[in-house]
Amino acid sequence: MKKIIVLAVVAIMGTAATVNAQKIGHINTNDLLVAMPETKKAQEKLKVTQDSLNVVYGELLKEFQEKDSVLRIDSGKWTPAIKQIRFKEHNDLYEAVQQYSTTAQQFLQQKEQEVFAPVQKLALDAIQTVAKANGYTYVISREALLVVPTSDDLLPLVKKHLKIVDTPAAK
């Protein structure tokens, strides 16, 4: 009788373990983002913005270098009052170049977040859709782990969902 009870308990526990079995998958989100055509479009938008910021920065830097050169060559001929004014202008221009550089970097970071947010959302939505459609309870980011538990790689499924065709590696 005790054996029957023990067998019944073991059977119930085995059933409970099966019911609670959870399907785990992993994905390398960097590989997914690199494969997405939307990422390339976002990078192109960001490059246009960066190029335009660099043009203005280059002009400011050129103006600073020209004034710096004049200052070094001609400052010996100036009166103390003119020297003081020119050095003040020089320092103000230097600060303007520094300020522009800082502001441009902040603007570029903000633009990067703005441009890539929809791409990241598209990727996350696709991962969630594929995980749900295929019964995955957990999807782990491959980049965050040094050791990956036995799980399925969802990258091919997500690429298929997004209609991304793998191109063969160049030889």
N, C-alpha and C. Protein backbone atom coordinates (compact mmCIF):
# COMPACT_ATOMS: atom_id res chain seq x y z
N MET A 1 0.82 -1.18 0.00
CA MET A 1 0.00 0.00 0.00
C MET A 1 0.87 1.26 0.00
N LYS A 2 1.94 1.22 0.81
CA LYS A 2 2.83 2.37 0.86
C LYS A 2 3.49 2.60 -0.51
N LYS A 3 3.79 1.51 -1.19
CA LYS A 3 4.41 1.64 -2.50
C LYS A 3 3.46 2.32 -3.49
N ILE A 4 2.20 2.02 -3.41
CA ILE A 4 1.21 2.63 -4.30
C ILE A 4 1.10 4.12 -4.01
N ILE A 5 1.10 4.50 -2.75
CA ILE A 5 1.02 5.91 -2.37
C ILE A 5 2.27 6.65 -2.85
N VAL A 6 3.43 6.04 -2.65
CA VAL A 6 4.69 6.65 -3.09
C VAL A 6 4.68 6.81 -4.60
N LEU A 7 4.25 5.80 -5.33
CA LEU A 7 4.18 5.89 -6.78
C LEU A 7 3.18 6.96 -7.22
N ALA A 8 2.07 7.08 -6.53
CA ALA A 8 1.08 8.10 -6.86
C ALA A 8 1.65 9.50 -6.63
N VAL A 9 2.37 9.69 -5.53
CA VAL A 9 2.98 10.99 -5.23
C VAL A 9 4.04 11.33 -6.28
N VAL A 10 4.86 10.36 -6.64
CA VAL A 10 5.89 10.58 -7.65
C VAL A 10 5.23 10.92 -8.99
N ALA A 11 4.16 10.24 -9.35
CA ALA A 11 3.47 10.51 -10.61
C ALA A 11 2.87 11.91 -10.61
N ILE A 12 2.28 12.30 -9.48
CA ILE A 12 1.70 13.64 -9.38
C ILE A 12 2.79 14.70 -9.48
N MET A 13 3.92 14.48 -8.80
CA MET A 13 5.03 15.44 -8.86
C MET A 13 5.59 15.53 -10.27
N GLY A 14 5.69 14.42 -10.95
CA GLY A 14 6.18 14.41 -12.33
C GLY A 14 5.24 15.18 -13.24
N THR A 15 3.94 15.01 -13.03
CA THR A 15 2.95 15.74 -13.82
C THR A 15 3.04 17.24 -13.53
N ALA A 16 3.20 17.59 -12.26
CA ALA A 16 3.31 19.00 -11.89
C ALA A 16 4.55 19.62 -12.51
N ALA A 17 5.65 18.87 -12.53
CA ALA A 17 6.89 19.38 -13.13
C ALA A 17 6.69 19.58 -14.63
N THR A 18 5.95 18.69 -15.27
CA THR A 18 5.70 18.82 -16.70
C THR A 18 4.81 20.03 -16.98
N VAL A 19 3.80 20.23 -16.15
CA VAL A 19 2.91 21.36 -16.32
C VAL A 19 3.67 22.67 -16.15
N ASN A 20 4.61 22.69 -15.20
CA ASN A 20 5.36 23.91 -14.92
C ASN A 20 6.62 24.04 -15.77
N ALA A 21 6.87 23.10 -16.68
CA ALA A 21 8.04 23.18 -17.54
C ALA A 21 7.94 24.46 -18.37
N GLN A 22 9.04 25.15 -18.40
CA GLN A 22 9.03 26.42 -19.09
C GLN A 22 10.05 26.39 -20.23
N LYS A 23 9.62 26.86 -21.35
CA LYS A 23 10.46 26.86 -22.53
C LYS A 23 11.32 28.12 -22.52
N ILE A 24 12.63 27.93 -22.67
CA ILE A 24 13.58 29.05 -22.61
C ILE A 24 14.26 29.19 -23.97
N GLY A 25 14.37 30.43 -24.42
CA GLY A 25 15.08 30.72 -25.66
C GLY A 25 16.06 31.84 -25.43
N HIS A 26 16.98 32.00 -26.35
CA HIS A 26 17.93 33.12 -26.25
C HIS A 26 18.07 33.75 -27.64
N ILE A 27 18.56 34.99 -27.63
CA ILE A 27 18.76 35.69 -28.90
C ILE A 27 19.89 36.69 -28.72
N ASN A 28 20.67 36.85 -29.75
CA ASN A 28 21.71 37.88 -29.77
C ASN A 28 21.08 39.10 -30.44
N THR A 29 20.68 40.07 -29.61
CA THR A 29 19.97 41.24 -30.15
C THR A 29 20.87 42.10 -31.02
N ASN A 30 22.17 42.11 -30.73
CA ASN A 30 23.09 42.87 -31.60
C ASN A 30 23.09 42.30 -33.01
N ASP A 31 23.14 40.98 -33.13
CA ASP A 31 23.11 40.35 -34.45
C ASP A 31 21.80 40.65 -35.16
N LEU A 32 20.70 40.65 -34.40
CA LEU A 32 19.41 40.96 -35.01
C LEU A 32 19.38 42.40 -35.52
N LEU A 33 19.83 43.33 -34.68
CA LEU A 33 19.81 44.74 -35.09
C LEU A 33 20.71 44.99 -36.30
N VAL A 34 21.86 44.35 -36.36
CA VAL A 34 22.76 44.50 -37.50
C VAL A 34 22.11 43.97 -38.77
N ALA A 35 21.33 42.92 -38.65
CA ALA A 35 20.70 42.31 -39.83
C ALA A 35 19.49 43.09 -40.32
N MET A 36 18.94 43.95 -39.49
CA MET A 36 17.71 44.66 -39.87
C MET A 36 18.01 45.81 -40.83
N PRO A 37 17.28 45.91 -41.93
CA PRO A 37 17.49 47.03 -42.87
C PRO A 37 17.16 48.38 -42.23
N GLU A 38 16.28 48.39 -41.25
CA GLU A 38 15.93 49.63 -40.57
C GLU A 38 17.12 50.23 -39.83
N THR A 39 18.03 49.36 -39.37
CA THR A 39 19.23 49.84 -38.68
C THR A 39 20.11 50.63 -39.64
N LYS A 40 20.26 50.12 -40.86
CA LYS A 40 21.08 50.82 -41.86
C LYS A 40 20.48 52.19 -42.19
N LYS A 41 19.16 52.25 -42.32
CA LYS A 41 18.49 53.53 -42.59
C LYS A 41 18.71 54.50 -41.44
N ALA A 42 18.61 54.00 -40.21
CA ALA A 42 18.81 54.85 -39.04
C ALA A 42 20.25 55.35 -39.00
N GLN A 43 21.20 54.49 -39.32
CA GLN A 43 22.62 54.91 -39.35
C GLN A 43 22.85 55.98 -40.40
N GLU A 44 22.19 55.85 -41.55
CA GLU A 44 22.34 56.85 -42.61
C GLU A 44 21.78 58.21 -42.17
N LYS A 45 20.63 58.20 -41.49
CA LYS A 45 20.05 59.44 -40.96
C LYS A 45 21.01 60.09 -39.96
N LEU A 46 21.56 59.27 -39.10
CA LEU A 46 22.47 59.77 -38.08
C LEU A 46 23.73 60.34 -38.71
N LYS A 47 24.21 59.70 -39.77
CA LYS A 47 25.42 60.17 -40.45
C LYS A 47 25.19 61.54 -41.09
N VAL A 48 24.02 61.75 -41.66
CA VAL A 48 23.70 63.06 -42.26
C VAL A 48 23.75 64.14 -41.19
N THR A 49 23.17 63.86 -40.05
CA THR A 49 23.18 64.82 -38.94
C THR A 49 24.61 65.07 -38.47
N GLN A 50 25.38 63.99 -38.32
CA GLN A 50 26.76 64.12 -37.86
C GLN A 50 27.60 64.91 -38.86
N ASP A 51 27.42 64.66 -40.12
CA ASP A 51 28.17 65.39 -41.15
C ASP A 51 27.87 66.89 -41.11
N SER A 52 26.60 67.24 -40.95
CA SER A 52 26.25 68.66 -40.90
C SER A 52 26.83 69.33 -39.66
N LEU A 53 26.83 68.62 -38.54
CA LEU A 53 27.44 69.16 -37.33
C LEU A 53 28.95 69.32 -37.50
N ASN A 54 29.57 68.38 -38.19
CA ASN A 54 31.01 68.44 -38.42
C ASN A 54 31.40 69.59 -39.33
N VAL A 55 30.54 69.93 -40.29
CA VAL A 55 30.82 71.06 -41.18
C VAL A 55 30.90 72.35 -40.37
N VAL A 56 29.92 72.56 -39.52
CA VAL A 56 29.90 73.78 -38.69
C VAL A 56 31.09 73.78 -37.74
N TYR A 57 31.40 72.64 -37.15
CA TYR A 57 32.53 72.54 -36.24
C TYR A 57 33.83 72.86 -36.99
N GLY A 58 33.96 72.35 -38.19
CA GLY A 58 35.15 72.61 -39.00
C GLY A 58 35.31 74.09 -39.31
N GLU A 59 34.20 74.76 -39.60
CA GLU A 59 34.26 76.19 -39.88
C GLU A 59 34.69 76.98 -38.64
N LEU A 60 34.13 76.62 -37.49
CA LEU A 60 34.51 77.28 -36.24
C LEU A 60 35.99 77.05 -35.93
N LEU A 61 36.43 75.82 -36.12
CA LEU A 61 37.82 75.48 -35.85
C LEU A 61 38.76 76.23 -36.80
N LYS A 62 38.39 76.33 -38.04
CA LYS A 62 39.21 77.05 -39.03
C LYS A 62 39.33 78.53 -38.63
N GLU A 63 38.21 79.13 -38.26
CA GLU A 63 38.22 80.53 -37.83
C GLU A 63 39.12 80.71 -36.60
N PHE A 64 39.02 79.77 -35.66
CA PHE A 64 39.86 79.84 -34.46
C PHE A 64 41.34 79.74 -34.83
N GLN A 65 41.68 78.81 -35.70
CA GLN A 65 43.08 78.62 -36.09
C GLN A 65 43.63 79.84 -36.83
N GLU A 66 42.80 80.45 -37.67
CA GLU A 66 43.24 81.65 -38.38
C GLU A 66 43.51 82.79 -37.41
N LYS A 67 42.59 83.01 -36.46
CA LYS A 67 42.77 84.08 -35.48
C LYS A 67 43.95 83.77 -34.57
N ASP A 68 44.15 82.49 -34.26
CA ASP A 68 45.27 82.09 -33.42
C ASP A 68 46.59 82.39 -34.13
N SER A 69 46.63 82.12 -35.42
CA SER A 69 47.82 82.38 -36.22
C SER A 69 48.11 83.88 -36.28
N VAL A 70 47.10 84.68 -36.51
CA VAL A 70 47.26 86.14 -36.54
C VAL A 70 47.73 86.64 -35.19
N LEU A 71 47.17 86.09 -34.15
CA LEU A 71 47.53 86.49 -32.79
C LEU A 71 49.02 86.22 -32.52
N ARG A 72 49.49 85.07 -32.93
CA ARG A 72 50.89 84.71 -32.69
C ARG A 72 51.85 85.58 -33.51
N ILE A 73 51.46 85.88 -34.73
CA ILE A 73 52.35 86.64 -35.63
C ILE A 73 52.34 88.13 -35.31
N ASP A 74 51.15 88.70 -35.14
CA ASP A 74 51.02 90.15 -35.06
C ASP A 74 50.96 90.71 -33.64
N SER A 75 50.87 89.88 -32.63
CA SER A 75 50.65 90.41 -31.28
C SER A 75 51.81 91.29 -30.79
N GLY A 76 53.00 91.10 -31.32
CA GLY A 76 54.14 91.93 -30.92
C GLY A 76 54.00 93.38 -31.37
N LYS A 77 53.19 93.64 -32.39
CA LYS A 77 53.03 94.98 -32.95
C LYS A 77 51.89 95.75 -32.27
N TRP A 78 51.11 95.09 -31.47
CA TRP A 78 49.91 95.72 -30.91
C TRP A 78 50.20 96.45 -29.61
N THR A 79 49.36 97.41 -29.36
CA THR A 79 49.42 98.12 -28.07
C THR A 79 48.82 97.19 -27.01
N PRO A 80 49.12 97.44 -25.75
CA PRO A 80 48.56 96.59 -24.69
C PRO A 80 47.02 96.52 -24.72
N ALA A 81 46.36 97.61 -25.04
CA ALA A 81 44.89 97.63 -25.08
C ALA A 81 44.38 96.73 -26.21
N ILE A 82 44.99 96.80 -27.38
CA ILE A 82 44.60 95.97 -28.52
C ILE A 82 44.89 94.50 -28.20
N LYS A 83 46.05 94.23 -27.59
CA LYS A 83 46.40 92.86 -27.21
C LYS A 83 45.33 92.27 -26.29
N GLN A 84 44.94 93.07 -25.32
CA GLN A 84 43.94 92.59 -24.36
C GLN A 84 42.62 92.25 -25.07
N ILE A 85 42.20 93.11 -25.97
CA ILE A 85 40.95 92.87 -26.72
C ILE A 85 41.08 91.62 -27.59
N ARG A 86 42.20 91.52 -28.30
CA ARG A 86 42.40 90.37 -29.21
C ARG A 86 42.50 89.05 -28.43
N PHE A 87 43.20 89.07 -27.30
CA PHE A 87 43.31 87.85 -26.50
C PHE A 87 41.94 87.46 -25.92
N LYS A 88 41.14 88.44 -25.56
CA LYS A 88 39.79 88.18 -25.06
C LYS A 88 38.96 87.55 -26.18
N GLU A 89 39.03 88.11 -27.38
CA GLU A 89 38.31 87.56 -28.54
C GLU A 89 38.76 86.11 -28.80
N HIS A 90 40.08 85.91 -28.70
CA HIS A 90 40.67 84.58 -28.92
C HIS A 90 40.12 83.58 -27.89
N ASN A 91 40.11 83.97 -26.63
CA ASN A 91 39.59 83.09 -25.58
C ASN A 91 38.10 82.83 -25.74
N ASP A 92 37.35 83.86 -26.12
CA ASP A 92 35.91 83.70 -26.34
C ASP A 92 35.64 82.72 -27.49
N LEU A 93 36.42 82.84 -28.54
CA LEU A 93 36.25 81.94 -29.68
C LEU A 93 36.62 80.51 -29.29
N TYR A 94 37.68 80.37 -28.51
CA TYR A 94 38.08 79.04 -28.02
C TYR A 94 36.94 78.41 -27.21
N GLU A 95 36.35 79.19 -26.33
CA GLU A 95 35.24 78.69 -25.52
C GLU A 95 34.04 78.35 -26.39
N ALA A 96 33.80 79.14 -27.44
CA ALA A 96 32.69 78.86 -28.35
C ALA A 96 32.91 77.53 -29.08
N VAL A 97 34.14 77.28 -29.48
CA VAL A 97 34.46 76.01 -30.15
C VAL A 97 34.23 74.85 -29.18
N GLN A 98 34.70 74.99 -27.95
CA GLN A 98 34.51 73.94 -26.95
C GLN A 98 33.03 73.72 -26.65
N GLN A 99 32.30 74.81 -26.50
CA GLN A 99 30.87 74.72 -26.20
C GLN A 99 30.11 74.06 -27.36
N TYR A 100 30.47 74.42 -28.58
CA TYR A 100 29.81 73.82 -29.74
C TYR A 100 30.08 72.32 -29.77
N SER A 101 31.31 71.93 -29.50
CA SER A 101 31.67 70.52 -29.50
C SER A 101 30.83 69.74 -28.49
N THR A 102 30.71 70.27 -27.30
CA THR A 102 29.93 69.61 -26.24
C THR A 102 28.45 69.54 -26.62
N THR A 103 27.91 70.65 -27.09
CA THR A 103 26.50 70.71 -27.47
C THR A 103 26.21 69.77 -28.64
N ALA A 104 27.12 69.73 -29.60
CA ALA A 104 26.94 68.86 -30.77
C ALA A 104 26.94 67.39 -30.35
N GLN A 105 27.83 67.02 -29.44
CA GLN A 105 27.88 65.63 -28.97
C GLN A 105 26.58 65.26 -28.26
N GLN A 106 26.09 66.17 -27.41
CA GLN A 106 24.83 65.90 -26.71
C GLN A 106 23.68 65.78 -27.70
N PHE A 107 23.64 66.67 -28.68
CA PHE A 107 22.59 66.62 -29.68
C PHE A 107 22.65 65.32 -30.48
N LEU A 108 23.87 64.91 -30.82
CA LEU A 108 24.04 63.67 -31.60
C LEU A 108 23.59 62.45 -30.79
N GLN A 109 23.89 62.43 -29.51
CA GLN A 109 23.44 61.32 -28.66
C GLN A 109 21.92 61.28 -28.57
N GLN A 110 21.31 62.45 -28.43
CA GLN A 110 19.86 62.54 -28.38
C GLN A 110 19.25 62.08 -29.71
N LYS A 111 19.84 62.51 -30.81
CA LYS A 111 19.36 62.12 -32.14
C LYS A 111 19.51 60.61 -32.35
N GLU A 112 20.61 60.06 -31.85
CA GLU A 112 20.84 58.62 -31.97
C GLU A 112 19.74 57.84 -31.25
N GLN A 113 19.42 58.27 -30.04
CA GLN A 113 18.34 57.61 -29.30
C GLN A 113 17.01 57.74 -30.03
N GLU A 114 16.75 58.91 -30.56
CA GLU A 114 15.51 59.19 -31.28
C GLU A 114 15.40 58.34 -32.54
N VAL A 115 16.49 58.19 -33.27
CA VAL A 115 16.48 57.47 -34.54
C VAL A 115 16.44 55.95 -34.33
N PHE A 116 17.12 55.47 -33.29
CA PHE A 116 17.19 54.02 -33.09
C PHE A 116 16.06 53.46 -32.22
N ALA A 117 15.33 54.31 -31.51
CA ALA A 117 14.23 53.83 -30.66
C ALA A 117 13.19 53.02 -31.44
N PRO A 118 12.73 53.50 -32.61
CA PRO A 118 11.76 52.70 -33.36
C PRO A 118 12.33 51.36 -33.84
N VAL A 119 13.59 51.33 -34.18
CA VAL A 119 14.23 50.09 -34.64
C VAL A 119 14.30 49.09 -33.48
N GLN A 120 14.70 49.58 -32.32
CA GLN A 120 14.77 48.71 -31.14
C GLN A 120 13.39 48.20 -30.75
N LYS A 121 12.38 49.07 -30.86
CA LYS A 121 11.01 48.65 -30.54
C LYS A 121 10.54 47.59 -31.52
N LEU A 122 10.83 47.77 -32.79
CA LEU A 122 10.46 46.78 -33.80
C LEU A 122 11.10 45.43 -33.49
N ALA A 123 12.37 45.45 -33.12
CA ALA A 123 13.08 44.21 -32.78
C ALA A 123 12.46 43.55 -31.55
N LEU A 124 12.20 44.34 -30.51
CA LEU A 124 11.61 43.79 -29.29
C LEU A 124 10.22 43.23 -29.54
N ASP A 125 9.41 43.95 -30.32
CA ASP A 125 8.07 43.46 -30.65
C ASP A 125 8.15 42.14 -31.42
N ALA A 126 9.09 42.05 -32.34
CA ALA A 126 9.25 40.81 -33.12
C ALA A 126 9.68 39.65 -32.22
N ILE A 127 10.60 39.92 -31.31
CA ILE A 127 11.06 38.88 -30.37
C ILE A 127 9.89 38.40 -29.52
N GLN A 128 9.10 39.34 -29.01
CA GLN A 128 7.96 38.97 -28.18
C GLN A 128 6.91 38.18 -28.97
N THR A 129 6.66 38.59 -30.19
CA THR A 129 5.68 37.91 -31.04
C THR A 129 6.12 36.47 -31.32
N VAL A 130 7.38 36.31 -31.70
CA VAL A 130 7.91 34.98 -32.01
C VAL A 130 7.93 34.11 -30.75
N ALA A 131 8.32 34.69 -29.62
CA ALA A 131 8.37 33.92 -28.37
C ALA A 131 6.97 33.43 -28.01
N LYS A 132 6.00 34.30 -28.10
CA LYS A 132 4.63 33.93 -27.76
C LYS A 132 4.09 32.89 -28.73
N ALA A 133 4.33 33.09 -30.02
CA ALA A 133 3.82 32.16 -31.04
C ALA A 133 4.43 30.78 -30.91
N ASN A 134 5.65 30.71 -30.38
CA ASN A 134 6.34 29.42 -30.27
C ASN A 134 6.37 28.88 -28.86
N GLY A 135 5.64 29.50 -27.94
CA GLY A 135 5.49 28.98 -26.58
C GLY A 135 6.68 29.19 -25.66
N TYR A 136 7.49 30.20 -25.92
CA TYR A 136 8.63 30.47 -25.05
C TYR A 136 8.18 31.31 -23.86
N THR A 137 8.52 30.84 -22.67
CA THR A 137 8.18 31.56 -21.45
C THR A 137 9.21 32.64 -21.16
N TYR A 138 10.47 32.32 -21.43
CA TYR A 138 11.57 33.25 -21.19
C TYR A 138 12.44 33.35 -22.43
N VAL A 139 12.86 34.56 -22.74
CA VAL A 139 13.85 34.78 -23.79
C VAL A 139 14.97 35.59 -23.15
N ILE A 140 16.16 35.06 -23.24
CA ILE A 140 17.32 35.67 -22.59
C ILE A 140 18.20 36.33 -23.64
N SER A 141 18.70 37.51 -23.30
CA SER A 141 19.62 38.20 -24.19
C SER A 141 20.97 37.49 -24.13
N ARG A 142 21.43 37.04 -25.26
CA ARG A 142 22.68 36.28 -25.34
C ARG A 142 23.88 37.11 -24.90
N GLU A 143 23.87 38.41 -25.17
CA GLU A 143 25.01 39.28 -24.85
C GLU A 143 25.22 39.42 -23.34
N ALA A 144 24.17 39.24 -22.56
CA ALA A 144 24.24 39.48 -21.13
C ALA A 144 24.78 38.28 -20.36
N LEU A 145 24.98 37.16 -21.02
CA LEU A 145 25.36 35.93 -20.31
C LEU A 145 26.71 35.40 -20.79
N LEU A 146 27.44 34.88 -19.84
CA LEU A 146 28.69 34.22 -20.19
C LEU A 146 28.44 32.74 -20.47
N VAL A 147 27.49 32.18 -19.74
CA VAL A 147 27.12 30.79 -19.94
C VAL A 147 25.62 30.78 -20.23
N VAL A 148 25.25 30.13 -21.30
CA VAL A 148 23.84 30.08 -21.68
C VAL A 148 23.29 28.70 -21.34
N PRO A 149 22.17 28.68 -20.61
CA PRO A 149 21.58 27.37 -20.33
C PRO A 149 21.06 26.76 -21.63
N THR A 150 20.76 25.50 -21.57
CA THR A 150 20.24 24.84 -22.75
C THR A 150 18.95 25.56 -23.15
N SER A 151 18.99 26.15 -24.30
CA SER A 151 17.83 26.89 -24.79
C SER A 151 17.91 26.98 -26.30
N ASP A 152 16.85 27.46 -26.89
CA ASP A 152 16.78 27.59 -28.34
C ASP A 152 17.19 29.00 -28.76
N ASP A 153 17.92 29.09 -29.87
CA ASP A 153 18.28 30.38 -30.43
C ASP A 153 17.11 30.88 -31.27
N LEU A 154 16.55 32.01 -30.88
CA LEU A 154 15.39 32.55 -31.59
C LEU A 154 15.75 33.44 -32.76
N LEU A 155 17.04 33.73 -32.94
CA LEU A 155 17.45 34.65 -34.01
C LEU A 155 16.91 34.23 -35.38
N PRO A 156 17.05 32.97 -35.78
CA PRO A 156 16.52 32.59 -37.10
C PRO A 156 15.00 32.78 -37.20
N LEU A 157 14.28 32.49 -36.13
CA LEU A 157 12.83 32.65 -36.15
C LEU A 157 12.42 34.12 -36.24
N VAL A 158 13.13 34.97 -35.51
CA VAL A 158 12.81 36.40 -35.53
C VAL A 158 13.17 37.00 -36.89
N LYS A 159 14.32 36.59 -37.46
CA LYS A 159 14.68 37.06 -38.80
C LYS A 159 13.61 36.65 -39.81
N LYS A 160 13.12 35.43 -39.68
CA LYS A 160 12.08 34.95 -40.59
C LYS A 160 10.81 35.79 -40.40
N HIS A 161 10.47 36.08 -39.16
CA HIS A 161 9.28 36.90 -38.86
C HIS A 161 9.41 38.30 -39.48
N LEU A 162 10.61 38.86 -39.43
CA LEU A 162 10.87 40.19 -39.97
C LEU A 162 11.20 40.16 -41.47
N LYS A 163 11.19 38.95 -42.05
CA LYS A 163 11.49 38.76 -43.47
C LYS A 163 12.90 39.23 -43.84
N ILE A 164 13.84 38.93 -42.96
CA ILE A 164 15.24 39.24 -43.21
C ILE A 164 15.90 38.02 -43.82
N VAL A 165 16.47 38.20 -44.99
CA VAL A 165 17.12 37.09 -45.68
C VAL A 165 18.59 37.10 -45.31
N ASP A 166 19.09 35.96 -44.85
CA ASP A 166 20.52 35.86 -44.53
C ASP A 166 21.32 35.84 -45.81
N THR A 167 22.37 36.64 -45.84
CA THR A 167 23.27 36.61 -46.98
C THR A 167 24.44 35.74 -46.61
N PRO A 168 24.92 34.93 -47.54
CA PRO A 168 26.06 34.05 -47.23
C PRO A 168 27.31 34.87 -46.94
N ALA A 169 28.13 34.34 -46.04
CA ALA A 169 29.38 35.02 -45.67
C ALA A 169 30.31 35.06 -46.86
N ALA A 170 31.02 36.19 -47.00
CA ALA A 170 31.99 36.34 -48.09
C ALA A 170 33.19 35.46 -47.83
N LYS A 171 33.72 34.89 -48.89
CA LYS A 171 34.88 34.01 -48.74
C LYS A 171 36.16 34.78 -48.91
